[in-house]
Amino acid sequence: MSFDDIFDASFRRVQVPSGKRVSFFEAFYRNFLMSSPQVRVLFRNTDMAVQRRMLKKSFFSLVSFYASGTVDDVLRKTAEMHSARQLNIDPYLYDLWLECLIDTVRE
């Protein structure tokens, strides 16, 4: 089985809710929002459905980057938006984001 096949199968499992389980992206944002009051403040006026779609799109861009080594426009725009010039995200929040992502994968 190729990396692409493994990724696709895993991605299908996490994005399709079964029973009362929420999707991976819903679970991730639940965990991330609960991780810090600062995160909740940053997302207080955010349309979370749109936010989840953007995260999903960025995942595909990351996989594409992993496979090709080429940074696409989605990753460029995401990096620019989260830079000190625009959203000015505190650096520690990136570590928190990654911890929440890994915790959500474990769940």
Protein backbone atom coordinates (compact mmCIF):
# COMPACT_ATOMS: atom_id res chain seq x y z
CA MET A 1 0.00 0.00 0.00
CA SER A 2 1.41 3.40 -0.98
CA PHE A 3 1.70 6.42 1.30
CA ASP A 4 -1.14 8.05 -0.65
CA ASP A 5 -3.40 5.04 -0.07
CA ILE A 6 -2.61 4.98 3.65
CA PHE A 7 -3.19 8.72 3.97
CA ASP A 8 -6.46 8.60 2.01
CA ALA A 9 -7.83 5.73 4.10
CA SER A 10 -6.84 7.41 7.35
CA PHE A 11 -8.23 10.76 6.23
CA ARG A 12 -11.58 9.17 5.30
CA ARG A 13 -11.80 7.63 8.79
CA VAL A 14 -11.29 10.93 10.59
CA GLN A 15 -13.48 13.14 8.43
CA VAL A 16 -16.65 11.04 8.37
CA PRO A 17 -18.48 11.05 11.69
CA SER A 18 -20.01 7.77 12.79
CA GLY A 19 -22.76 7.66 15.35
CA LYS A 20 -22.34 10.45 17.88
CA ARG A 21 -18.67 10.95 17.06
CA VAL A 22 -17.78 14.37 15.68
CA SER A 23 -15.48 14.83 12.72
CA PHE A 24 -11.74 15.13 13.24
CA PHE A 25 -11.84 18.84 12.50
CA GLU A 26 -14.68 19.48 14.95
CA ALA A 27 -12.85 17.49 17.63
CA PHE A 28 -9.61 19.32 16.90
CA TYR A 29 -11.17 22.76 17.29
CA ARG A 30 -13.04 21.65 20.42
CA ASN A 31 -9.69 20.59 21.92
CA PHE A 32 -7.88 23.68 20.69
CA LEU A 33 -10.52 26.08 21.99
CA MET A 34 -10.49 24.35 25.38
CA SER A 35 -6.70 24.51 25.59
CA SER A 36 -6.37 28.20 26.38
CA PRO A 37 -8.48 31.27 27.15
CA GLN A 38 -6.32 33.16 24.64
CA VAL A 39 -7.33 30.72 21.88
CA ARG A 40 -11.01 31.24 22.72
CA VAL A 41 -10.56 35.02 22.50
CA LEU A 42 -8.81 34.75 19.13
CA PHE A 43 -11.66 32.66 17.71
CA ARG A 44 -14.58 34.42 19.42
CA ASN A 45 -15.94 35.97 16.20
CA THR A 46 -14.93 33.16 13.86
CA ASP A 47 -17.32 31.18 11.70
CA MET A 48 -16.10 27.76 12.79
CA ALA A 49 -17.61 25.94 9.80
CA VAL A 50 -15.50 28.14 7.52
CA GLN A 51 -12.50 27.64 9.80
CA ARG A 52 -12.85 23.84 9.64
CA ARG A 53 -13.04 23.97 5.83
CA MET A 54 -9.86 26.07 5.72
CA LEU A 55 -8.05 23.60 7.98
CA LYS A 56 -9.17 20.70 5.81
CA LYS A 57 -7.90 22.48 2.70
CA SER A 58 -4.57 23.21 4.36
CA PHE A 59 -4.18 19.50 5.22
CA PHE A 60 -4.34 18.64 1.54
CA SER A 61 -1.75 21.34 0.84
CA LEU A 62 0.53 19.88 3.52
CA VAL A 63 0.24 16.43 2.00
CA SER A 64 1.00 17.87 -1.41
CA PHE A 65 4.03 19.65 0.06
CA TYR A 66 5.20 16.41 1.67
CA ALA A 67 4.86 14.55 -1.62
CA SER A 68 6.34 17.18 -3.93
CA GLY A 69 8.34 19.59 -1.79
CA THR A 70 6.45 22.43 -3.49
CA VAL A 71 4.70 25.09 -1.44
CA ASP A 72 1.33 25.94 -2.98
CA ASP A 73 -0.68 29.17 -2.71
CA VAL A 74 -2.79 27.83 0.16
CA LEU A 75 0.29 27.30 2.35
CA ARG A 76 1.78 30.65 1.32
CA LYS A 77 -1.44 32.50 2.16
CA THR A 78 -1.83 30.63 5.45
CA ALA A 79 1.74 31.45 6.47
CA GLU A 80 1.32 35.12 5.54
CA MET A 81 -2.00 35.42 7.35
CA HIS A 82 -0.50 33.98 10.55
CA SER A 83 2.65 36.12 10.35
CA ALA A 84 3.56 38.99 12.67
CA ARG A 85 2.42 41.41 9.94
CA GLN A 86 -1.18 40.19 9.94
CA LEU A 87 -2.65 38.11 12.78
CA ASN A 88 0.49 38.34 14.93
CA ILE A 89 -0.09 34.96 16.61
CA ASP A 90 1.94 34.39 19.78
CA PRO A 91 4.61 31.77 18.98
CA TYR A 92 3.63 29.51 21.90
CA LEU A 93 0.21 29.05 20.30
CA TYR A 94 1.78 27.15 17.41
CA ASP A 95 3.11 24.55 19.85
CA LEU A 96 -0.28 24.41 21.54
CA TRP A 97 -1.95 23.97 18.12
CA LEU A 98 0.35 21.06 17.32
CA GLU A 99 -0.20 19.44 20.74
CA CYS A 100 -3.97 19.66 20.24
CA LEU A 101 -3.65 18.21 16.75
CA ILE A 102 -1.66 15.24 18.05
CA ASP A 103 -4.09 14.74 20.96
CA THR A 104 -7.00 14.76 18.53
CA VAL A 105 -5.31 12.16 16.34
CA ARG A 106 -4.85 10.00 19.45
CA GLU A 107 -8.56 10.27 20.23
